[in-house]
C-alpha cells in the first residue's frame, strides 16, 4: 500500500513518507529543500531544541531518530525564531494593511 501524501506542487510531506519509498526518494536528485515539514515534525524539532539548546544536537537527534539527512541549521534556527516571536511553528500570515 502506497502511503504518500502530496502537498501543493507535489512535494512530499516529511512525516507521511513510507520508509522504503523514502530510501528510494533519497537516492534521487531531490534534497531537503524540496520537503515540506509537517506541523508534527516542526513541533518535534522545537521540543528537541528546547531540550538540547543546540542546533547541532537537534541535527544529531534527527539522524538517530529518522536515519536521514536533517533539516539545515538555518531551517532549525528559523523555526526557533518563529516560535519565540509568534509562539507557533505554523505559517503566520500578515494582515492586510490599509
PDB file of N, CA and C in Angstrom:
ATOM      1  N   UNK A   1       0.846  -1.180   0.000  1.00  0.00           N
ATOM      2  CA  UNK A   1       0.000   0.000   0.000  1.00  0.00           C
ATOM      3  C   UNK A   1       0.891   1.242   0.000  1.00  0.00           C
ATOM      4  N   UNK A   2       0.608   2.137  -0.888  1.00  0.00           N
ATOM      5  CA  UNK A   2       1.398   3.352  -1.018  1.00  0.00           C
ATOM      6  C   UNK A   2       0.859   4.398  -0.053  1.00  0.00           C
ATOM      7  N   UNK A   3       1.727   4.905   0.816  1.00  0.00           N
ATOM      8  CA  UNK A   3       1.256   5.844   1.842  1.00  0.00           C
ATOM      9  C   UNK A   3       1.972   7.182   1.746  1.00  0.00           C
ATOM     10  N   UNK A   4       1.819   7.852   0.624  1.00  0.00           N
ATOM     11  CA  UNK A   4       2.405   9.181   0.450  1.00  0.00           C
ATOM     12  C   UNK A   4       1.267  10.183   0.330  1.00  0.00           C
ATOM     13  N   UNK A   5       1.443  11.297   0.983  1.00  0.00           N
ATOM     14  CA  UNK A   5       0.505  12.404   0.839  1.00  0.00           C
ATOM     15  C   UNK A   5       1.277  13.548   0.208  1.00  0.00           C
ATOM     16  N   UNK A   6       0.733  14.122  -0.839  1.00  0.00           N
ATOM     17  CA  UNK A   6       1.412  15.227  -1.505  1.00  0.00           C
ATOM     18  C   UNK A   6       0.739  16.540  -1.154  1.00  0.00           C
ATOM     19  N   UNK A   7       1.566  17.554  -0.947  1.00  0.00           N
ATOM     20  CA  UNK A   7       1.060  18.896  -0.743  1.00  0.00           C
ATOM     21  C   UNK A   7       1.067  19.598  -2.089  1.00  0.00           C
ATOM     22  N   UNK A   8       0.629  20.840  -2.109  1.00  0.00           N
ATOM     23  CA  UNK A   8       0.603  21.577  -3.361  1.00  0.00           C
ATOM     24  C   UNK A   8       1.976  21.512  -4.036  1.00  0.00           C
ATOM     25  N   UNK A   9       2.018  21.459  -5.305  1.00  0.00           N
ATOM     26  CA  UNK A   9       3.217  21.323  -6.125  1.00  0.00           C
ATOM     27  C   UNK A   9       3.845  19.935  -6.004  1.00  0.00           C
ATOM     28  N   UNK A  10       3.117  18.988  -5.476  1.00  0.00           N
ATOM     29  CA  UNK A  10       3.515  17.585  -5.386  1.00  0.00           C
ATOM     30  C   UNK A  10       4.831  17.365  -4.650  1.00  0.00           C
ATOM     31  N   UNK A  11       5.048  18.100  -3.566  1.00  0.00           N
ATOM     32  CA  UNK A  11       6.213  17.874  -2.715  1.00  0.00           C
ATOM     33  C   UNK A  11       5.769  16.969  -1.566  1.00  0.00           C
ATOM     34  N   UNK A  12       6.543  15.932  -1.241  1.00  0.00           N
ATOM     35  CA  UNK A  12       6.104  15.002  -0.205  1.00  0.00           C
ATOM     36  C   UNK A  12       6.137  15.625   1.185  1.00  0.00           C
ATOM     37  N   UNK A  13       5.146  15.279   1.999  1.00  0.00           N
ATOM     38  CA  UNK A  13       5.113  15.704   3.391  1.00  0.00           C
ATOM     39  C   UNK A  13       6.031  14.767   4.158  1.00  0.00           C
ATOM     40  N   UNK A  14       6.964  15.314   4.906  1.00  0.00           N
ATOM     41  CA  UNK A  14       8.005  14.536   5.556  1.00  0.00           C
ATOM     42  C   UNK A  14       7.457  13.395   6.401  1.00  0.00           C
ATOM     43  N   UNK A  15       6.505  13.661   7.270  1.00  0.00           N
ATOM     44  CA  UNK A  15       6.075  12.665   8.238  1.00  0.00           C
ATOM     45  C   UNK A  15       5.223  11.562   7.636  1.00  0.00           C
ATOM     46  N   UNK A  16       4.755  11.727   6.411  1.00  0.00           N
ATOM     47  CA  UNK A  16       3.860  10.749   5.818  1.00  0.00           C
ATOM     48  C   UNK A  16       4.569   9.778   4.874  1.00  0.00           C
ATOM     49  N   UNK A  17       5.872   9.882   4.727  1.00  0.00           N
ATOM     50  CA  UNK A  17       6.589   9.037   3.775  1.00  0.00           C
ATOM     51  C   UNK A  17       6.769   7.618   4.297  1.00  0.00           C
ATOM     52  N   UNK A  18       6.546   6.664   3.441  1.00  0.00           N
ATOM     53  CA  UNK A  18       6.818   5.264   3.723  1.00  0.00           C
ATOM     54  C   UNK A  18       8.343   5.103   3.783  1.00  0.00           C
ATOM     55  N   UNK A  19       8.899   4.425   4.801  1.00  0.00           N
ATOM     56  CA  UNK A  19      10.362   4.330   4.925  1.00  0.00           C
ATOM     57  C   UNK A  19      11.054   3.749   3.692  1.00  0.00           C
ATOM     58  N   UNK A  20      10.482   2.717   3.075  1.00  0.00           N
ATOM     59  CA  UNK A  20      11.099   2.130   1.881  1.00  0.00           C
ATOM     60  C   UNK A  20      11.077   3.116   0.723  1.00  0.00           C
ATOM     61  N   UNK A  21       9.960   3.784   0.562  1.00  0.00           N
ATOM     62  CA  UNK A  21       9.839   4.759  -0.507  1.00  0.00           C
ATOM     63  C   UNK A  21      10.776   5.936  -0.253  1.00  0.00           C
ATOM     64  N   UNK A  22      10.938   6.309   1.020  1.00  0.00           N
ATOM     65  CA  UNK A  22      11.843   7.406   1.371  1.00  0.00           C
ATOM     66  C   UNK A  22      13.265   7.075   0.947  1.00  0.00           C
ATOM     67  N   UNK A  23      13.692   5.812   1.148  1.00  0.00           N
ATOM     68  CA  UNK A  23      15.035   5.416   0.742  1.00  0.00           C
ATOM     69  C   UNK A  23      15.220   5.570  -0.764  1.00  0.00           C
ATOM     70  N   UNK A  24      14.196   5.195  -1.538  1.00  0.00           N
ATOM     71  CA  UNK A  24      14.260   5.366  -2.995  1.00  0.00           C
ATOM     72  C   UNK A  24      14.327   6.848  -3.343  1.00  0.00           C
ATOM     73  N   UNK A  25      13.499   7.634  -2.681  1.00  0.00           N
ATOM     74  CA  UNK A  25      13.412   9.068  -2.961  1.00  0.00           C
ATOM     75  C   UNK A  25      14.729   9.753  -2.628  1.00  0.00           C
ATOM     76  N   UNK A  26      15.381   9.309  -1.531  1.00  0.00           N
ATOM     77  CA  UNK A  26      16.640   9.912  -1.125  1.00  0.00           C
ATOM     78  C   UNK A  26      17.726   9.673  -2.159  1.00  0.00           C
ATOM     79  N   UNK A  27      17.657   8.553  -2.858  1.00  0.00           N
ATOM     80  CA  UNK A  27      18.653   8.252  -3.861  1.00  0.00           C
ATOM     81  C   UNK A  27      18.507   9.097  -5.112  1.00  0.00           C
ATOM     82  N   UNK A  28      17.367   9.782  -5.255  1.00  0.00           N
ATOM     83  CA  UNK A  28      17.158  10.630  -6.427  1.00  0.00           C
ATOM     84  C   UNK A  28      17.875  11.962  -6.231  1.00  0.00           C
ATOM     85  N   UNK A  29      17.675  12.894  -7.148  1.00  0.00           N
ATOM     86  CA  UNK A  29      18.382  14.171  -7.064  1.00  0.00           C
ATOM     87  C   UNK A  29      17.642  15.209  -6.225  1.00  0.00           C
ATOM     88  N   UNK A  30      16.678  14.794  -5.410  1.00  0.00           N
ATOM     89  CA  UNK A  30      15.936  15.715  -4.544  1.00  0.00           C
ATOM     90  C   UNK A  30      16.765  16.029  -3.299  1.00  0.00           C
ATOM     91  N   UNK A  31      16.434  17.136  -2.668  1.00  0.00           N
ATOM     92  CA  UNK A  31      17.119  17.471  -1.430  1.00  0.00           C
ATOM     93  C   UNK A  31      16.117  17.915  -0.381  1.00  0.00           C
ATOM     94  N   UNK A  32      16.613  18.224   0.812  1.00  0.00           N
ATOM     95  CA  UNK A  32      15.751  18.570   1.934  1.00  0.00           C
ATOM     96  C   UNK A  32      14.918  19.816   1.638  1.00  0.00           C
ATOM     97  N   UNK A  33      15.392  20.700   0.773  1.00  0.00           N
ATOM     98  CA  UNK A  33      14.660  21.921   0.444  1.00  0.00           C
ATOM     99  C   UNK A  33      13.361  21.607  -0.285  1.00  0.00           C
ATOM    100  N   UNK A  34      13.268  20.430  -0.896  1.00  0.00           N
ATOM    101  CA  UNK A  34      12.054  20.045  -1.611  1.00  0.00           C
ATOM    102  C   UNK A  34      10.998  19.457  -0.691  1.00  0.00           C
ATOM    103  N   UNK A  35      11.312  19.258   0.577  1.00  0.00           N
ATOM    104  CA  UNK A  35      10.401  18.585   1.501  1.00  0.00           C
ATOM    105  C   UNK A  35       9.686  19.609   2.369  1.00  0.00           C
ATOM    106  N   UNK A  36       8.381  19.440   2.487  1.00  0.00           N
ATOM    107  CA  UNK A  36       7.568  20.284   3.365  1.00  0.00           C
ATOM    108  C   UNK A  36       7.490  19.600   4.721  1.00  0.00           C
ATOM    109  N   UNK A  37       7.996  20.228   5.765  1.00  0.00           N
ATOM    110  CA  UNK A  37       7.946  19.645   7.099  1.00  0.00           C
ATOM    111  C   UNK A  37       6.538  19.785   7.658  1.00  0.00           C
ATOM    112  N   UNK A  38       5.972  18.699   8.139  1.00  0.00           N
ATOM    113  CA  UNK A  38       4.622  18.738   8.707  1.00  0.00           C
ATOM    114  C   UNK A  38       4.645  19.471  10.049  1.00  0.00           C
ATOM    115  N   UNK A  39       3.468  19.821  10.535  1.00  0.00           N
ATOM    116  CA  UNK A  39       3.353  20.502  11.819  1.00  0.00           C
ATOM    117  C   UNK A  39       3.959  19.653  12.928  1.00  0.00           C
ATOM    118  N   UNK A  40       3.691  18.327  12.921  1.00  0.00           N
ATOM    119  CA  UNK A  40       4.209  17.442  13.966  1.00  0.00           C
ATOM    120  C   UNK A  40       5.738  17.395  13.966  1.00  0.00           C
ATOM    121  N   UNK A  41       6.338  17.380  12.790  1.00  0.00           N
ATOM    122  CA  UNK A  41       7.798  17.352  12.695  1.00  0.00           C
ATOM    123  C   UNK A  41       8.387  18.674  13.165  1.00  0.00           C
ATOM    124  N   UNK A  42       7.773  19.794  12.777  1.00  0.00           N
ATOM    125  CA  UNK A  42       8.255  21.097  13.242  1.00  0.00           C
ATOM    126  C   UNK A  42       8.163  21.193  14.764  1.00  0.00           C
ATOM    127  N   UNK A  43       7.067  20.665  15.305  1.00  0.00           N
ATOM    128  CA  UNK A  43       6.877  20.664  16.753  1.00  0.00           C
ATOM    129  C   UNK A  43       7.969  19.828  17.432  1.00  0.00           C
ATOM    130  N   UNK A  44       8.307  18.686  16.844  1.00  0.00           N
ATOM    131  CA  UNK A  44       9.349  17.835  17.406  1.00  0.00           C
ATOM    132  C   UNK A  44      10.709  18.529  17.374  1.00  0.00           C
ATOM    133  N   UNK A  45      10.990  19.251  16.304  1.00  0.00           N
ATOM    134  CA  UNK A  45      12.248  19.988  16.208  1.00  0.00           C
ATOM    135  C   UNK A  45      12.351  21.014  17.337  1.00  0.00           C
ATOM    136  N   UNK A  46      11.263  21.727  17.599  1.00  0.00           N
ATOM    137  CA  UNK A  46      11.249  22.713  18.691  1.00  0.00           C
ATOM    138  C   UNK A  46      11.446  22.029  20.034  1.00  0.00           C
ATOM    139  N   UNK A  47      10.811  20.893  20.262  1.00  0.00           N
ATOM    140  CA  UNK A  47      10.987  20.162  21.528  1.00  0.00           C
ATOM    141  C   UNK A  47      12.443  19.770  21.713  1.00  0.00           C
ATOM    142  N   UNK A  48      13.065  19.248  20.652  1.00  0.00           N
ATOM    143  CA  UNK A  48      14.473  18.872  20.737  1.00  0.00           C
ATOM    144  C   UNK A  48      15.343  20.096  20.983  1.00  0.00           C
ATOM    145  N   UNK A  49      15.012  21.204  20.322  1.00  0.00           N
ATOM    146  CA  UNK A  49      15.825  22.401  20.517  1.00  0.00           C
ATOM    147  C   UNK A  49      15.775  22.855  21.975  1.00  0.00           C
ATOM    148  N   UNK A  50      14.602  22.876  22.580  1.00  0.00           N
ATOM    149  CA  UNK A  50      14.498  23.331  23.964  1.00  0.00           C
ATOM    150  C   UNK A  50      15.106  22.329  24.928  1.00  0.00           C
ATOM    151  N   UNK A  51      15.162  21.062  24.533  1.00  0.00           N
ATOM    152  CA  UNK A  51      15.802  20.055  25.375  1.00  0.00           C
ATOM    153  C   UNK A  51      17.325  20.198  25.336  1.00  0.00           C
ATOM    154  N   UNK A  52      17.888  20.323  24.132  1.00  0.00           N
ATOM    155  CA  UNK A  52      19.345  20.354  23.965  1.00  0.00           C
ATOM    156  C   UNK A  52      19.926  21.762  23.912  1.00  0.00           C
ATOM    157  N   UNK A  53      19.113  22.757  23.531  1.00  0.00           N
ATOM    158  CA  UNK A  53      19.555  24.147  23.370  1.00  0.00           C
ATOM    159  C   UNK A  53      20.757  24.259  22.440  1.00  0.00           C
ATOM    160  N   UNK A  54      20.740  23.443  21.375  1.00  0.00           N
ATOM    161  CA  UNK A  54      21.866  23.406  20.468  1.00  0.00           C
ATOM    162  C   UNK A  54      21.397  22.840  19.130  1.00  0.00           C
ATOM    163  N   UNK A  55      21.618  23.573  18.049  1.00  0.00           N
ATOM    164  CA  UNK A  55      21.172  23.153  16.716  1.00  0.00           C
ATOM    165  C   UNK A  55      21.881  21.878  16.276  1.00  0.00           C
ATOM    166  N   UNK A  56      23.177  21.764  16.556  1.00  0.00           N
ATOM    167  CA  UNK A  56      23.922  20.560  16.161  1.00  0.00           C
ATOM    168  C   UNK A  56      23.366  19.316  16.855  1.00  0.00           C
ATOM    169  N   UNK A  57      22.984  19.455  18.126  1.00  0.00           N
ATOM    170  CA  UNK A  57      22.408  18.324  18.865  1.00  0.00           C
ATOM    171  C   UNK A  57      21.047  17.938  18.284  1.00  0.00           C
ATOM    172  N   UNK A  58      20.281  18.921  17.839  1.00  0.00           N
ATOM    173  CA  UNK A  58      18.983  18.639  17.201  1.00  0.00           C
ATOM    174  C   UNK A  58      19.211  17.851  15.913  1.00  0.00           C
ATOM    175  N   UNK A  59      20.202  18.254  15.147  1.00  0.00           N
ATOM    176  CA  UNK A  59      20.507  17.543  13.896  1.00  0.00           C
ATOM    177  C   UNK A  59      20.976  16.112  14.175  1.00  0.00           C
ATOM    178  N   UNK A  60      21.780  15.919  15.222  1.00  0.00           N
ATOM    179  CA  UNK A  60      22.214  14.560  15.595  1.00  0.00           C
ATOM    180  C   UNK A  60      21.011  13.705  16.012  1.00  0.00           C
ATOM    181  N   UNK A  61      20.119  14.298  16.800  1.00  0.00           N
ATOM    182  CA  UNK A  61      18.919  13.579  17.241  1.00  0.00           C
ATOM    183  C   UNK A  61      18.053  13.190  16.042  1.00  0.00           C
ATOM    184  N   UNK A  62      17.932  14.101  15.081  1.00  0.00           N
ATOM    185  CA  UNK A  62      17.164  13.826  13.855  1.00  0.00           C
ATOM    186  C   UNK A  62      17.754  12.610  13.132  1.00  0.00           C
ATOM    187  N   UNK A  63      19.085  12.607  12.970  1.00  0.00           N
ATOM    188  CA  UNK A  63      19.746  11.490  12.269  1.00  0.00           C
ATOM    189  C   UNK A  63      19.503  10.171  12.984  1.00  0.00           C
ATOM    190  N   UNK A  64      19.571  10.165  14.311  1.00  0.00           N
ATOM    191  CA  UNK A  64      19.365   8.919  15.043  1.00  0.00           C
ATOM    192  C   UNK A  64      17.892   8.488  15.023  1.00  0.00           C
ATOM    193  N   UNK A  65      16.995   9.453  15.017  1.00  0.00           N
ATOM    194  CA  UNK A  65      15.553   9.142  15.027  1.00  0.00           C
ATOM    195  C   UNK A  65      15.040   8.732  13.650  1.00  0.00           C
ATOM    196  N   UNK A  66      15.373   9.512  12.625  1.00  0.00           N
ATOM    197  CA  UNK A  66      14.809   9.292  11.290  1.00  0.00           C
ATOM    198  C   UNK A  66      15.768   8.608  10.309  1.00  0.00           C
ATOM    199  N   UNK A  67      17.052   8.532  10.654  1.00  0.00           N
ATOM    200  CA  UNK A  67      18.060   7.907   9.784  1.00  0.00           C
ATOM    201  C   UNK A  67      18.116   8.539   8.396  1.00  0.00           C
ATOM    202  N   UNK A  68      17.943   9.850   8.353  1.00  0.00           N
ATOM    203  CA  UNK A  68      18.003  10.607   7.102  1.00  0.00           C
ATOM    204  C   UNK A  68      18.757  11.910   7.356  1.00  0.00           C
ATOM    205  N   UNK A  69      19.018  12.630   6.297  1.00  0.00           N
ATOM    206  CA  UNK A  69      19.683  13.929   6.413  1.00  0.00           C
ATOM    207  C   UNK A  69      18.728  14.916   7.087  1.00  0.00           C
ATOM    208  N   UNK A  70      19.170  15.611   8.128  1.00  0.00           N
ATOM    209  CA  UNK A  70      18.292  16.529   8.861  1.00  0.00           C
ATOM    210  C   UNK A  70      18.091  17.853   8.128  1.00  0.00           C
ATOM    211  N   UNK A  71      17.119  18.637   8.595  1.00  0.00           N
ATOM    212  CA  UNK A  71      16.956  19.994   8.056  1.00  0.00           C
ATOM    213  C   UNK A  71      18.222  20.806   8.331  1.00  0.00           C
ATOM    214  N   UNK A  72      18.412  21.843   7.559  1.00  0.00           N
ATOM    215  CA  UNK A  72      19.618  22.667   7.714  1.00  0.00           C
ATOM    216  C   UNK A  72      19.608  23.422   9.040  1.00  0.00           C
ATOM    217  N   UNK A  73      20.775  23.898   9.413  1.00  0.00           N
ATOM    218  CA  UNK A  73      20.884  24.723  10.628  1.00  0.00           C
ATOM    219  C   UNK A  73      19.991  25.950  10.507  1.00  0.00           C
ATOM    220  N   UNK A  74      19.965  26.529   9.307  1.00  0.00           N
ATOM    221  CA  UNK A  74      19.154  27.720   9.072  1.00  0.00           C
ATOM    222  C   UNK A  74      17.660  27.418   9.274  1.00  0.00           C
ATOM    223  N   UNK A  75      17.198  26.285   8.784  1.00  0.00           N
ATOM    224  CA  UNK A  75      15.785  25.899   8.958  1.00  0.00           C
ATOM    225  C   UNK A  75      15.446  25.767  10.434  1.00  0.00           C
ATOM    226  N   UNK A  76      16.318  25.112  11.182  1.00  0.00           N
ATOM    227  CA  UNK A  76      16.072  24.911  12.618  1.00  0.00           C
ATOM    228  C   UNK A  76      16.076  26.245  13.355  1.00  0.00           C
ATOM    229  N   UNK A  77      17.032  27.112  13.058  1.00  0.00           N
ATOM    230  CA  UNK A  77      17.063  28.411  13.748  1.00  0.00           C
ATOM    231  C   UNK A  77      15.883  29.282  13.355  1.00  0.00           C
ATOM    232  N   UNK A  78      15.431  29.193  12.106  1.00  0.00           N
ATOM    233  CA  UNK A  78      14.241  29.956  11.706  1.00  0.00           C
ATOM    234  C   UNK A  78      12.996  29.453  12.424  1.00  0.00           C
ATOM    235  N   UNK A  79      12.876  28.135  12.586  1.00  0.00           N
ATOM    236  CA  UNK A  79      11.748  27.587  13.344  1.00  0.00           C
ATOM    237  C   UNK A  79      11.791  28.073  14.789  1.00  0.00           C
ATOM    238  N   UNK A  80      12.983  28.041  15.393  1.00  0.00           N
ATOM    239  CA  UNK A  80      13.147  28.517  16.767  1.00  0.00           C
ATOM    240  C   UNK A  80      12.747  29.985  16.888  1.00  0.00           C
ATOM    241  N   UNK A  81      13.241  30.808  15.954  1.00  0.00           N
ATOM    242  CA  UNK A  81      12.926  32.238  15.983  1.00  0.00           C
ATOM    243  C   UNK A  81      11.433  32.487  15.792  1.00  0.00           C
ATOM    244  N   UNK A  82      10.828  31.762  14.872  1.00  0.00           N
ATOM    245  CA  UNK A  82       9.390  31.920  14.639  1.00  0.00           C
ATOM    246  C   UNK A  82       8.609  31.567  15.901  1.00  0.00           C
ATOM    247  N   UNK A  83       9.028  30.492  16.570  1.00  0.00           N
ATOM    248  CA  UNK A  83       8.341  30.090  17.792  1.00  0.00           C
ATOM    249  C   UNK A  83       8.510  31.137  18.886  1.00  0.00           C
ATOM    250  N   UNK A  84       9.716  31.696  19.014  1.00  0.00           N
ATOM    251  CA  UNK A  84       9.954  32.712  20.042  1.00  0.00           C
ATOM    252  C   UNK A  84       9.176  33.992  19.768  1.00  0.00           C
ATOM    253  N   UNK A  85       9.071  34.386  18.506  1.00  0.00           N
ATOM    254  CA  UNK A  85       8.390  35.641  18.154  1.00  0.00           C
ATOM    255  C   UNK A  85       6.870  35.486  18.156  1.00  0.00           C
ATOM    256  N   UNK A  86       6.385  34.427  17.489  1.00  0.00           N
ATOM    257  CA  UNK A  86       4.942  34.279  17.285  1.00  0.00           C
ATOM    258  C   UNK A  86       4.280  33.254  18.207  1.00  0.00           C
ATOM    259  N   UNK A  87       5.082  32.424  18.882  1.00  0.00           N
ATOM    260  CA  UNK A  87       4.514  31.408  19.762  1.00  0.00           C
ATOM    261  C   UNK A  87       3.935  30.221  19.019  1.00  0.00           C
ATOM    262  N   UNK A  88       4.291  30.064  17.749  1.00  0.00           N
ATOM    263  CA  UNK A  88       3.798  28.946  16.952  1.00  0.00           C
ATOM    264  C   UNK A  88       4.826  28.605  15.879  1.00  0.00           C
ATOM    265  N   UNK A  89       4.722  27.376  15.345  1.00  0.00           N
ATOM    266  CA  UNK A  89       5.558  26.990  14.216  1.00  0.00           C
ATOM    267  C   UNK A  89       4.723  26.910  12.939  1.00  0.00           C
ATOM    268  N   UNK A  90       3.442  27.283  13.063  1.00  0.00           N
ATOM    269  CA  UNK A  90       2.563  27.322  11.896  1.00  0.00           C
ATOM    270  C   UNK A  90       2.883  28.555  11.044  1.00  0.00           C
ATOM    271  N   UNK A  91       2.376  28.559   9.834  1.00  0.00           N
ATOM    272  CA  UNK A  91       2.552  29.696   8.938  1.00  0.00           C
ATOM    273  C   UNK A  91       1.793  30.896   9.514  1.00  0.00           C
ATOM    274  N   UNK A  92       2.473  31.997   9.716  1.00  0.00           N
ATOM    275  CA  UNK A  92       1.846  33.216  10.237  1.00  0.00           C
ATOM    276  C   UNK A  92       1.628  34.158   9.087  1.00  0.00           C
ATOM    277  N   UNK A  93       0.359  34.463   8.842  1.00  0.00           N
ATOM    278  CA  UNK A  93       0.043  35.360   7.729  1.00  0.00           C
ATOM    279  C   UNK A  93      -0.020  36.795   8.211  1.00  0.00           C
ATOM    280  N   UNK A  94       0.486  37.672   7.395  1.00  0.00           N
ATOM    281  CA  UNK A  94       0.445  39.086   7.721  1.00  0.00           C
ATOM    282  C   UNK A  94      -0.940  39.627   7.374  1.00  0.00           C
ATOM    283  N   UNK A  95      -1.446  40.510   8.191  1.00  0.00           N
ATOM    284  CA  UNK A  95      -2.726  41.128   7.904  1.00  0.00           C
ATOM    285  C   UNK A  95      -2.615  42.128   6.772  1.00  0.00           C
ATOM    286  N   UNK A  96      -3.729  42.404   6.160  1.00  0.00           N
ATOM    287  CA  UNK A  96      -3.729  43.399   5.077  1.00  0.00           C
ATOM    288  C   UNK A  96      -3.595  44.801   5.667  1.00  0.00           C
ATOM    289  N   UNK A  97      -2.796  45.602   5.039  1.00  0.00           N
ATOM    290  CA  UNK A  97      -2.655  46.969   5.533  1.00  0.00           C
ATOM    291  C   UNK A  97      -3.644  47.883   4.810  1.00  0.00           C
ATOM    292  N   UNK A  98      -4.018  48.920   5.465  1.00  0.00           N
ATOM    293  CA  UNK A  98      -4.870  49.913   4.813  1.00  0.00           C
ATOM    294  C   UNK A  98      -6.222  50.023   5.313  1.00  0.00           C
TER     295      UNK A  98
END
